Amino acid sequence: MLGEVSYLGCVSLHETIEDTTDGPILMDSIEDENSPNALDMIESNQLTQELARQIDRLTDKERLVISLYYYEELSQKEIAEVLELSEGRISQLHSQALLKLKTSINRAQNEGAGPSLAPR
């Protein structure tokens, strides 16, 4: 068995691929499986842009509830206190806004105008 592996050598990942000293190194050609690929990054960016457009189309109250809930991380109870509305009304506005966003994003996807919301 040693005879079978005796021809194997050891190569540094910092060695250049070409015969030049300043060319690309082997490490540059190894794929990082944990990094997102270019297509995923483009789709994510397109989805973010479409979501921002659709959030702008919500009513002022819906947009405010979404903003306070997701960006300010307030609970629905806290939002109800701030806006002087019932917690049930905040829940209704939140659900209504999410439904509008999901419907409009899916419509844009079906028309070929944007990426899918489906998880990968």
C-alpha atoms as a PDB file:
ATOM      1  CA  MET A   1       0.000   0.000   0.000  1.00  0.00           C
ATOM      2  CA  LEU A   2       2.844   2.414   0.681  1.00  0.00           C
ATOM      3  CA  GLY A   3       3.998   1.866  -2.868  1.00  0.00           C
ATOM      4  CA  GLU A   4       0.630   3.104  -4.131  1.00  0.00           C
ATOM      5  CA  VAL A   5       0.765   6.414  -2.283  1.00  0.00           C
ATOM      6  CA  SER A   6       4.482   7.100  -2.534  1.00  0.00           C
ATOM      7  CA  TYR A   7       3.984   9.223  -5.671  1.00  0.00           C
ATOM      8  CA  LEU A   8       1.665  11.659  -3.858  1.00  0.00           C
ATOM      9  CA  GLY A   9       3.164  14.990  -2.968  1.00  0.00           C
ATOM     10  CA  CYS A  10       2.282  17.825  -0.698  1.00  0.00           C
ATOM     11  CA  VAL A  11       1.223  21.126  -2.234  1.00  0.00           C
ATOM     12  CA  SER A  12       0.769  24.441  -0.473  1.00  0.00           C
ATOM     13  CA  LEU A  13      -2.497  26.288  -1.048  1.00  0.00           C
ATOM     14  CA  HIS A  14      -0.409  29.430  -1.377  1.00  0.00           C
ATOM     15  CA  GLU A  15       1.466  28.146  -4.431  1.00  0.00           C
ATOM     16  CA  THR A  16       0.614  29.824  -7.706  1.00  0.00           C
ATOM     17  CA  ILE A  17      -1.339  27.927 -10.316  1.00  0.00           C
ATOM     18  CA  GLU A  18       0.756  29.260 -13.175  1.00  0.00           C
ATOM     19  CA  ASP A  19       4.514  29.359 -13.473  1.00  0.00           C
ATOM     20  CA  THR A  20       4.639  33.009 -12.381  1.00  0.00           C
ATOM     21  CA  THR A  21       5.204  34.216  -8.836  1.00  0.00           C
ATOM     22  CA  ASP A  22       2.372  36.747  -8.887  1.00  0.00           C
ATOM     23  CA  GLY A  23      -0.356  34.644 -10.524  1.00  0.00           C
ATOM     24  CA  PRO A  24      -3.484  33.230  -8.906  1.00  0.00           C
ATOM     25  CA  ILE A  25      -2.944  30.830  -6.006  1.00  0.00           C
ATOM     26  CA  LEU A  26      -4.609  27.465  -5.427  1.00  0.00           C
ATOM     27  CA  MET A  27      -6.624  28.801  -2.474  1.00  0.00           C
ATOM     28  CA  ASP A  28      -8.376  31.263  -4.803  1.00  0.00           C
ATOM     29  CA  SER A  29      -9.809  28.389  -6.816  1.00  0.00           C
ATOM     30  CA  ILE A  30     -11.389  26.562  -3.861  1.00  0.00           C
ATOM     31  CA  GLU A  31     -15.120  27.163  -3.538  1.00  0.00           C
ATOM     32  CA  ASP A  32     -16.450  28.391  -0.207  1.00  0.00           C
ATOM     33  CA  GLU A  33     -19.602  26.304   0.176  1.00  0.00           C
ATOM     34  CA  ASN A  34     -20.873  28.575   2.967  1.00  0.00           C
ATOM     35  CA  SER A  35     -20.820  31.766   0.932  1.00  0.00           C
ATOM     36  CA  PRO A  36     -23.887  32.691  -1.134  1.00  0.00           C
ATOM     37  CA  ASN A  37     -23.539  32.395  -4.878  1.00  0.00           C
ATOM     38  CA  ALA A  38     -24.058  35.377  -7.158  1.00  0.00           C
ATOM     39  CA  LEU A  39     -27.530  34.295  -8.300  1.00  0.00           C
ATOM     40  CA  ASP A  40     -28.768  33.953  -4.707  1.00  0.00           C
ATOM     41  CA  MET A  41     -27.409  37.407  -3.894  1.00  0.00           C
ATOM     42  CA  ILE A  42     -29.133  38.962  -6.921  1.00  0.00           C
ATOM     43  CA  GLU A  43     -32.452  37.250  -6.112  1.00  0.00           C
ATOM     44  CA  SER A  44     -32.239  38.370  -2.491  1.00  0.00           C
ATOM     45  CA  ASN A  45     -31.554  41.948  -3.573  1.00  0.00           C
ATOM     46  CA  GLN A  46     -34.469  41.884  -6.034  1.00  0.00           C
ATOM     47  CA  LEU A  47     -36.782  40.491  -3.357  1.00  0.00           C
ATOM     48  CA  THR A  48     -35.696  43.215  -0.926  1.00  0.00           C
ATOM     49  CA  GLN A  49     -36.377  45.911  -3.521  1.00  0.00           C
ATOM     50  CA  GLU A  50     -39.801  44.472  -4.380  1.00  0.00           C
ATOM     51  CA  LEU A  51     -40.696  44.149  -0.707  1.00  0.00           C
ATOM     52  CA  ALA A  52     -39.741  47.807  -0.122  1.00  0.00           C
ATOM     53  CA  ARG A  53     -41.950  48.858  -3.067  1.00  0.00           C
ATOM     54  CA  GLN A  54     -44.881  46.878  -1.695  1.00  0.00           C
ATOM     55  CA  ILE A  55     -44.412  48.217   1.858  1.00  0.00           C
ATOM     56  CA  ASP A  56     -44.649  51.727   0.407  1.00  0.00           C
ATOM     57  CA  ARG A  57     -48.069  50.775  -1.013  1.00  0.00           C
ATOM     58  CA  LEU A  58     -49.503  49.836   2.403  1.00  0.00           C
ATOM     59  CA  THR A  59     -51.728  52.257   4.284  1.00  0.00           C
ATOM     60  CA  ASP A  60     -50.006  54.555   6.780  1.00  0.00           C
ATOM     61  CA  LYS A  61     -51.277  52.554   9.766  1.00  0.00           C
ATOM     62  CA  GLU A  62     -50.252  49.209   8.245  1.00  0.00           C
ATOM     63  CA  ARG A  63     -46.807  50.561   7.399  1.00  0.00           C
ATOM     64  CA  LEU A  64     -46.425  51.965  10.913  1.00  0.00           C
ATOM     65  CA  VAL A  65     -47.424  48.666  12.538  1.00  0.00           C
ATOM     66  CA  ILE A  66     -44.981  46.739  10.324  1.00  0.00           C
ATOM     67  CA  SER A  67     -42.218  49.230  11.082  1.00  0.00           C
ATOM     68  CA  LEU A  68     -42.778  49.183  14.836  1.00  0.00           C
ATOM     69  CA  TYR A  69     -43.084  45.401  14.945  1.00  0.00           C
ATOM     70  CA  TYR A  70     -40.179  44.367  12.704  1.00  0.00           C
ATOM     71  CA  TYR A  71     -37.753  47.288  12.895  1.00  0.00           C
ATOM     72  CA  GLU A  72     -38.348  48.647  16.391  1.00  0.00           C
ATOM     73  CA  GLU A  73     -39.130  45.139  17.697  1.00  0.00           C
ATOM     74  CA  LEU A  74     -42.115  46.276  19.753  1.00  0.00           C
ATOM     75  CA  SER A  75     -44.728  43.727  20.769  1.00  0.00           C
ATOM     76  CA  GLN A  76     -48.286  44.091  19.528  1.00  0.00           C
ATOM     77  CA  LYS A  77     -49.272  45.116  23.056  1.00  0.00           C
ATOM     78  CA  GLU A  78     -46.641  47.899  23.058  1.00  0.00           C
ATOM     79  CA  ILE A  79     -47.723  49.060  19.596  1.00  0.00           C
ATOM     80  CA  ALA A  80     -51.329  49.184  20.806  1.00  0.00           C
ATOM     81  CA  GLU A  81     -50.284  51.443  23.677  1.00  0.00           C
ATOM     82  CA  VAL A  82     -48.242  53.750  21.430  1.00  0.00           C
ATOM     83  CA  LEU A  83     -50.983  54.084  18.795  1.00  0.00           C
ATOM     84  CA  GLU A  84     -53.795  54.113  21.363  1.00  0.00           C
ATOM     85  CA  LEU A  85     -55.580  51.236  19.627  1.00  0.00           C
ATOM     86  CA  SER A  86     -56.677  47.864  20.933  1.00  0.00           C
ATOM     87  CA  GLU A  87     -54.276  44.954  20.757  1.00  0.00           C
ATOM     88  CA  GLY A  88     -56.846  43.151  18.589  1.00  0.00           C
ATOM     89  CA  ARG A  89     -56.845  46.034  16.084  1.00  0.00           C
ATOM     90  CA  ILE A  90     -53.023  45.945  15.932  1.00  0.00           C
ATOM     91  CA  SER A  91     -53.169  42.197  15.286  1.00  0.00           C
ATOM     92  CA  GLN A  92     -55.718  42.818  12.533  1.00  0.00           C
ATOM     93  CA  LEU A  93     -53.574  45.547  10.898  1.00  0.00           C
ATOM     94  CA  HIS A  94     -50.485  43.341  11.128  1.00  0.00           C
ATOM     95  CA  SER A  95     -52.235  40.333   9.567  1.00  0.00           C
ATOM     96  CA  GLN A  96     -53.814  42.501   6.876  1.00  0.00           C
ATOM     97  CA  ALA A  97     -50.446  44.047   5.965  1.00  0.00           C
ATOM     98  CA  LEU A  98     -48.722  40.656   5.786  1.00  0.00           C
ATOM     99  CA  LEU A  99     -51.475  39.267   3.579  1.00  0.00           C
ATOM    100  CA  LYS A 100     -51.200  42.259   1.225  1.00  0.00           C
ATOM    101  CA  LEU A 101     -47.413  41.902   1.062  1.00  0.00           C
ATOM    102  CA  LYS A 102     -47.522  38.163   0.428  1.00  0.00           C
ATOM    103  CA  THR A 103     -50.218  38.516  -2.238  1.00  0.00           C
ATOM    104  CA  SER A 104     -48.430  41.321  -4.079  1.00  0.00           C
ATOM    105  CA  ILE A 105     -45.022  39.601  -3.947  1.00  0.00           C
ATOM    106  CA  ASN A 106     -46.532  36.339  -5.224  1.00  0.00           C
ATOM    107  CA  ARG A 107     -48.364  38.227  -7.990  1.00  0.00           C
ATOM    108  CA  ALA A 108     -45.089  39.871  -9.035  1.00  0.00           C
ATOM    109  CA  GLN A 109     -43.396  36.467  -8.985  1.00  0.00           C
ATOM    110  CA  ASN A 110     -46.092  34.896 -11.166  1.00  0.00           C
ATOM    111  CA  GLU A 111     -45.758  37.747 -13.638  1.00  0.00           C
ATOM    112  CA  GLY A 112     -42.018  37.050 -13.812  1.00  0.00           C
ATOM    113  CA  ALA A 113     -41.116  40.328 -12.161  1.00  0.00           C
ATOM    114  CA  GLY A 114     -39.392  39.002  -9.086  1.00  0.00           C
ATOM    115  CA  PRO A 115     -37.898  36.142  -7.086  1.00  0.00           C
ATOM    116  CA  SER A 116     -39.855  33.617  -5.087  1.00  0.00           C
ATOM    117  CA  LEU A 117     -40.669  33.907  -1.399  1.00  0.00           C
ATOM    118  CA  ALA A 118     -40.484  30.140  -1.114  1.00  0.00           C
ATOM    119  CA  PRO A 119     -37.668  28.902   1.169  1.00  0.00           C
ATOM    120  CA  ARG A 120     -34.856  26.980  -0.444  1.00  0.00           C
END
